[in-house]
Structure formats: C-alpha cells, structure tokens
C-alpha cells in the first residue's frame, strides 16, 4: 500500500467506520518519498479527500509517508505514533480524538 492509496481510500473508510459525529477539516502534511499534501473535509456521514492544502483546517497532522502506511497496515499503533512524535497534531484535539479510528489498521 502507498501513501496515495491510503488517502484515496480515506473517504470510504470514514463511511465504513460510521463517523457521523465528525465535522471538520483535516490537513495532512506527509513528508518523504511518496508524501504530499492532502486534506479531508468531513461533514456528518461524508468525507471528501483531496490533494493539496486547505486554507483553514481545524486539525493539521504531520507524519512521514512511511508512518502513514505503517498505521494503515497495522504495523504501528496510533498511540505509539503520537507518543513517539512520529505523528504530530495541531488544532482541535477533541476532533482528532474522534478521527483516531482512521489512524488504526485498515486491513
């Protein structure tokens, strides 16, 4: 799985995990080979993920492409990634707590 594939599937996973109470804009800064910029606009039962930078995100998440893939594949736990600062989060921490499931394994 590549980082681009993770973000391509994020909207689908949002619906699968039934995150209806999540309303916000999430900016992802992904460093390293295979990285890039993506943002997710989440409103109720819909989450639209696009490449690029959003001007007013509620939450900004920074990680390496390798970390994003490892989280999606279940080779790293979200708590471990946050505590070791492999994933850095700025903004509305209550909102990111609701989205934690999207950092969990997808397999």
N, C-alpha and C. Protein backbone atom coordinates (compact mmCIF):
# COMPACT_ATOMS: atom_id res chain seq x y z
N UNK A 1 0.85 -1.17 0.00
CA UNK A 1 0.00 0.00 0.00
C UNK A 1 0.89 1.24 0.00
N UNK A 2 0.51 2.24 -0.77
CA UNK A 2 1.25 3.50 -0.80
C UNK A 2 0.47 4.56 -0.02
N UNK A 3 1.15 5.65 0.26
CA UNK A 3 0.51 6.76 0.96
C UNK A 3 -0.66 7.31 0.13
N UNK A 4 -0.49 7.44 -1.16
CA UNK A 4 -1.56 7.94 -2.03
C UNK A 4 -2.78 7.01 -1.97
N UNK A 5 -2.54 5.71 -1.88
CA UNK A 5 -3.65 4.75 -1.77
C UNK A 5 -4.39 4.91 -0.44
N UNK A 6 -3.65 5.21 0.62
CA UNK A 6 -4.28 5.43 1.92
C UNK A 6 -5.27 6.59 1.82
N UNK A 7 -4.84 7.69 1.22
CA UNK A 7 -5.72 8.86 1.12
C UNK A 7 -6.84 8.64 0.11
N UNK A 8 -6.59 7.85 -0.91
CA UNK A 8 -7.64 7.54 -1.89
C UNK A 8 -8.77 6.74 -1.23
N UNK A 9 -8.45 5.95 -0.22
CA UNK A 9 -9.45 5.11 0.46
C UNK A 9 -10.04 5.76 1.71
N UNK A 10 -9.51 6.91 2.13
CA UNK A 10 -9.93 7.51 3.39
C UNK A 10 -11.42 7.83 3.44
N UNK A 11 -11.99 8.38 2.39
CA UNK A 11 -13.43 8.67 2.38
C UNK A 11 -14.26 7.42 2.58
N UNK A 12 -13.85 6.36 1.93
CA UNK A 12 -14.53 5.05 2.06
C UNK A 12 -14.44 4.54 3.50
N UNK A 13 -13.27 4.66 4.10
CA UNK A 13 -13.08 4.21 5.47
C UNK A 13 -13.88 5.06 6.45
N UNK A 14 -13.99 6.34 6.18
CA UNK A 14 -14.78 7.24 7.02
C UNK A 14 -16.22 6.74 7.11
N UNK A 15 -16.80 6.37 5.97
CA UNK A 15 -18.16 5.84 5.95
C UNK A 15 -18.24 4.47 6.60
N UNK A 16 -17.24 3.64 6.33
CA UNK A 16 -17.22 2.29 6.90
C UNK A 16 -17.20 2.31 8.43
N UNK A 17 -16.45 3.26 9.01
CA UNK A 17 -16.34 3.35 10.46
C UNK A 17 -17.49 4.15 11.08
N UNK A 18 -18.40 4.65 10.25
CA UNK A 18 -19.60 5.38 10.70
C UNK A 18 -19.26 6.54 11.62
N UNK A 19 -18.45 7.45 11.14
CA UNK A 19 -18.02 8.60 11.93
C UNK A 19 -18.95 9.79 11.70
N UNK A 20 -20.24 9.61 11.96
CA UNK A 20 -21.25 10.62 11.65
C UNK A 20 -21.14 11.88 12.50
N UNK A 21 -20.51 11.80 13.66
CA UNK A 21 -20.42 12.98 14.53
C UNK A 21 -19.14 13.80 14.29
N UNK A 22 -18.40 13.49 13.24
CA UNK A 22 -17.18 14.22 12.93
C UNK A 22 -17.47 15.28 11.88
N UNK A 23 -17.26 16.53 12.27
CA UNK A 23 -17.46 17.66 11.36
C UNK A 23 -16.20 18.52 11.46
N UNK A 24 -15.38 18.51 10.42
CA UNK A 24 -14.17 19.30 10.46
C UNK A 24 -13.33 19.12 9.21
N UNK A 25 -12.29 19.93 9.14
CA UNK A 25 -11.36 19.89 8.01
C UNK A 25 -10.00 19.49 8.55
N UNK A 26 -9.44 18.43 7.97
CA UNK A 26 -8.18 17.87 8.40
C UNK A 26 -7.14 18.05 7.31
N UNK A 27 -6.02 18.66 7.66
CA UNK A 27 -4.92 18.86 6.71
C UNK A 27 -3.83 17.86 7.05
N UNK A 28 -3.34 17.16 6.03
CA UNK A 28 -2.28 16.17 6.21
C UNK A 28 -1.03 16.63 5.46
N UNK A 29 0.05 16.83 6.21
CA UNK A 29 1.35 17.14 5.62
C UNK A 29 2.17 15.86 5.74
N UNK A 30 2.43 15.22 4.62
CA UNK A 30 3.13 13.94 4.63
C UNK A 30 4.50 14.13 4.00
N UNK A 31 5.53 13.89 4.82
CA UNK A 31 6.91 14.11 4.40
C UNK A 31 7.51 12.87 3.76
N UNK A 32 8.58 13.09 3.02
CA UNK A 32 9.38 11.99 2.49
C UNK A 32 8.88 11.46 1.16
N UNK A 33 9.61 10.46 0.64
CA UNK A 33 9.22 9.85 -0.64
C UNK A 33 7.80 9.30 -0.58
N UNK A 34 7.01 9.64 -1.58
CA UNK A 34 5.62 9.21 -1.62
C UNK A 34 4.69 10.10 -0.84
N UNK A 35 5.23 11.14 -0.23
CA UNK A 35 4.42 12.05 0.57
C UNK A 35 3.72 13.10 -0.28
N UNK A 36 3.17 14.07 0.39
CA UNK A 36 2.46 15.15 -0.29
C UNK A 36 1.53 15.85 0.67
N UNK A 37 0.60 16.59 0.12
CA UNK A 37 -0.38 17.34 0.90
C UNK A 37 -1.77 16.83 0.54
N UNK A 38 -2.56 16.52 1.54
CA UNK A 38 -3.96 16.14 1.34
C UNK A 38 -4.79 16.82 2.40
N UNK A 39 -6.06 17.02 2.10
CA UNK A 39 -6.98 17.48 3.14
C UNK A 39 -8.29 16.73 3.02
N UNK A 40 -8.94 16.56 4.16
CA UNK A 40 -10.22 15.86 4.22
C UNK A 40 -11.25 16.80 4.80
N UNK A 41 -12.35 16.96 4.09
CA UNK A 41 -13.47 17.77 4.56
C UNK A 41 -14.56 16.79 4.99
N UNK A 42 -14.78 16.72 6.28
CA UNK A 42 -15.69 15.72 6.84
C UNK A 42 -16.91 16.40 7.42
N UNK A 43 -18.07 15.99 6.95
CA UNK A 43 -19.35 16.56 7.38
C UNK A 43 -20.36 15.42 7.54
N UNK A 44 -20.63 15.09 8.79
CA UNK A 44 -21.62 14.04 9.03
C UNK A 44 -21.16 12.70 8.50
N UNK A 45 -21.93 12.12 7.60
CA UNK A 45 -21.59 10.79 7.10
C UNK A 45 -20.80 10.84 5.79
N UNK A 46 -20.23 11.99 5.46
CA UNK A 46 -19.50 12.14 4.20
C UNK A 46 -18.13 12.76 4.48
N UNK A 47 -17.12 12.23 3.82
CA UNK A 47 -15.77 12.77 3.94
C UNK A 47 -15.15 12.82 2.54
N UNK A 48 -14.82 14.02 2.12
CA UNK A 48 -14.23 14.21 0.79
C UNK A 48 -12.74 14.50 0.97
N UNK A 49 -11.90 13.68 0.35
CA UNK A 49 -10.46 13.82 0.47
C UNK A 49 -9.91 14.31 -0.86
N UNK A 50 -9.09 15.36 -0.79
CA UNK A 50 -8.49 15.95 -1.98
C UNK A 50 -7.00 16.17 -1.74
N UNK A 51 -6.24 16.21 -2.82
CA UNK A 51 -4.84 16.56 -2.68
C UNK A 51 -4.74 18.08 -2.56
N UNK A 52 -3.67 18.54 -1.95
CA UNK A 52 -3.44 19.97 -1.81
C UNK A 52 -3.66 20.47 -0.39
N UNK A 53 -3.50 21.77 -0.24
CA UNK A 53 -3.57 22.42 1.06
C UNK A 53 -4.90 23.16 1.19
N UNK A 54 -5.57 22.98 2.34
CA UNK A 54 -6.78 23.73 2.65
C UNK A 54 -6.37 24.96 3.45
N UNK A 55 -7.00 26.09 3.19
CA UNK A 55 -6.59 27.34 3.83
C UNK A 55 -6.98 27.44 5.30
N UNK A 56 -8.04 26.73 5.72
CA UNK A 56 -8.50 26.85 7.11
C UNK A 56 -8.83 25.49 7.74
N UNK A 57 -7.81 24.66 7.94
CA UNK A 57 -8.09 23.36 8.56
C UNK A 57 -8.36 23.51 10.06
N UNK A 58 -9.16 22.60 10.59
CA UNK A 58 -9.40 22.55 12.03
C UNK A 58 -8.28 21.79 12.73
N UNK A 59 -7.72 20.82 12.02
CA UNK A 59 -6.65 19.98 12.55
C UNK A 59 -5.58 19.81 11.48
N UNK A 60 -4.33 19.91 11.88
CA UNK A 60 -3.21 19.66 10.97
C UNK A 60 -2.42 18.47 11.52
N UNK A 61 -2.21 17.50 10.65
CA UNK A 61 -1.50 16.28 11.02
C UNK A 61 -0.25 16.17 10.15
N UNK A 62 0.90 15.98 10.79
CA UNK A 62 2.16 15.86 10.07
C UNK A 62 2.78 14.50 10.40
N UNK A 63 3.20 13.80 9.35
CA UNK A 63 3.82 12.48 9.52
C UNK A 63 4.62 12.16 8.26
N UNK A 64 5.46 11.15 8.35
CA UNK A 64 6.16 10.69 7.16
C UNK A 64 5.25 9.75 6.38
N UNK A 65 5.53 9.58 5.10
CA UNK A 65 4.74 8.67 4.27
C UNK A 65 4.84 7.25 4.82
N UNK A 66 6.00 6.87 5.29
CA UNK A 66 6.20 5.54 5.86
C UNK A 66 5.30 5.34 7.08
N UNK A 67 5.20 6.34 7.93
CA UNK A 67 4.36 6.24 9.13
C UNK A 67 2.89 6.10 8.76
N UNK A 68 2.43 6.87 7.79
CA UNK A 68 1.04 6.80 7.36
C UNK A 68 0.71 5.39 6.87
N UNK A 69 1.59 4.83 6.07
CA UNK A 69 1.37 3.48 5.53
C UNK A 69 1.43 2.45 6.66
N UNK A 70 2.39 2.58 7.56
CA UNK A 70 2.50 1.63 8.67
C UNK A 70 1.26 1.65 9.55
N UNK A 71 0.69 2.83 9.80
CA UNK A 71 -0.54 2.93 10.57
C UNK A 71 -1.69 2.23 9.85
N UNK A 72 -1.84 2.51 8.57
CA UNK A 72 -2.94 1.92 7.79
C UNK A 72 -2.82 0.40 7.70
N UNK A 73 -1.59 -0.10 7.65
CA UNK A 73 -1.37 -1.54 7.54
C UNK A 73 -1.34 -2.24 8.90
N UNK A 74 -1.43 -1.49 9.99
CA UNK A 74 -1.44 -2.08 11.32
C UNK A 74 -0.07 -2.41 11.87
N UNK A 75 0.97 -1.89 11.25
CA UNK A 75 2.33 -2.16 11.73
C UNK A 75 2.78 -1.15 12.78
N UNK A 76 1.91 -0.17 13.09
CA UNK A 76 2.19 0.81 14.14
C UNK A 76 0.85 1.19 14.76
N UNK A 77 0.84 1.36 16.06
CA UNK A 77 -0.38 1.78 16.77
C UNK A 77 -0.47 3.30 16.81
N UNK A 78 -1.68 3.85 16.72
CA UNK A 78 -1.84 5.30 16.77
C UNK A 78 -1.24 5.92 18.04
N UNK A 79 -1.44 5.30 19.18
CA UNK A 79 -0.91 5.83 20.44
C UNK A 79 0.61 5.88 20.40
N UNK A 80 1.22 4.81 19.89
CA UNK A 80 2.67 4.75 19.77
C UNK A 80 3.17 5.86 18.84
N UNK A 81 2.49 6.06 17.73
CA UNK A 81 2.89 7.09 16.76
C UNK A 81 2.83 8.49 17.37
N UNK A 82 1.79 8.75 18.16
CA UNK A 82 1.65 10.06 18.80
C UNK A 82 2.68 10.25 19.91
N UNK A 83 2.87 9.23 20.74
CA UNK A 83 3.81 9.35 21.86
C UNK A 83 5.26 9.47 21.42
N UNK A 84 5.61 8.83 20.33
CA UNK A 84 6.98 8.91 19.82
C UNK A 84 7.16 10.06 18.84
N UNK A 85 6.11 10.86 18.66
CA UNK A 85 6.10 12.04 17.79
C UNK A 85 6.35 11.69 16.32
N UNK A 86 6.00 10.47 15.94
CA UNK A 86 6.04 10.09 14.53
C UNK A 86 4.88 10.78 13.81
N UNK A 87 3.82 11.06 14.57
CA UNK A 87 2.68 11.83 14.08
C UNK A 87 2.53 13.03 15.00
N UNK A 88 2.48 14.21 14.39
CA UNK A 88 2.30 15.45 15.15
C UNK A 88 0.94 16.04 14.78
N UNK A 89 0.23 16.49 15.80
CA UNK A 89 -1.12 17.00 15.60
C UNK A 89 -1.22 18.40 16.19
N UNK A 90 -1.83 19.31 15.43
CA UNK A 90 -2.10 20.67 15.90
C UNK A 90 -3.56 20.98 15.62
N UNK A 91 -4.15 21.72 16.53
CA UNK A 91 -5.54 22.13 16.30
C UNK A 91 -6.48 21.54 17.33
N UNK A 92 -7.69 21.27 16.94
CA UNK A 92 -8.77 20.80 17.81
C UNK A 92 -8.53 19.33 18.19
N UNK A 93 -7.99 19.12 19.40
CA UNK A 93 -7.65 17.78 19.84
C UNK A 93 -8.87 16.90 20.09
N UNK A 94 -10.00 17.47 20.44
CA UNK A 94 -11.23 16.69 20.59
C UNK A 94 -11.66 16.12 19.25
N UNK A 95 -11.48 16.91 18.21
CA UNK A 95 -11.83 16.46 16.87
C UNK A 95 -10.91 15.33 16.41
N UNK A 96 -9.63 15.44 16.69
CA UNK A 96 -8.71 14.37 16.29
C UNK A 96 -8.98 13.10 17.09
N UNK A 97 -9.44 13.22 18.32
CA UNK A 97 -9.77 12.03 19.09
C UNK A 97 -10.89 11.24 18.41
N UNK A 98 -11.84 11.94 17.81
CA UNK A 98 -12.92 11.28 17.09
C UNK A 98 -12.42 10.59 15.82
N UNK A 99 -11.35 11.11 15.25
CA UNK A 99 -10.82 10.58 14.00
C UNK A 99 -9.74 9.51 14.22
N UNK A 100 -9.42 9.23 15.47
CA UNK A 100 -8.33 8.29 15.77
C UNK A 100 -8.50 6.96 15.05
N UNK A 101 -9.74 6.55 14.85
CA UNK A 101 -10.00 5.28 14.18
C UNK A 101 -9.43 5.26 12.76
N UNK A 102 -9.34 6.42 12.11
CA UNK A 102 -8.78 6.45 10.76
C UNK A 102 -7.27 6.25 10.78
N UNK A 103 -6.65 6.38 11.93
CA UNK A 103 -5.21 6.09 12.04
C UNK A 103 -4.97 4.65 12.44
N UNK A 104 -6.04 3.90 12.63
CA UNK A 104 -5.94 2.50 13.03
C UNK A 104 -5.81 1.61 11.80
N UNK A 105 -5.44 0.33 12.01
CA UNK A 105 -5.27 -0.57 10.87
C UNK A 105 -6.53 -0.70 10.01
N UNK A 106 -6.34 -0.76 8.71
CA UNK A 106 -7.45 -0.84 7.76
C UNK A 106 -7.60 -2.24 7.19
N UNK A 107 -6.63 -3.08 7.43
CA UNK A 107 -6.65 -4.41 6.83
C UNK A 107 -7.71 -5.30 7.44
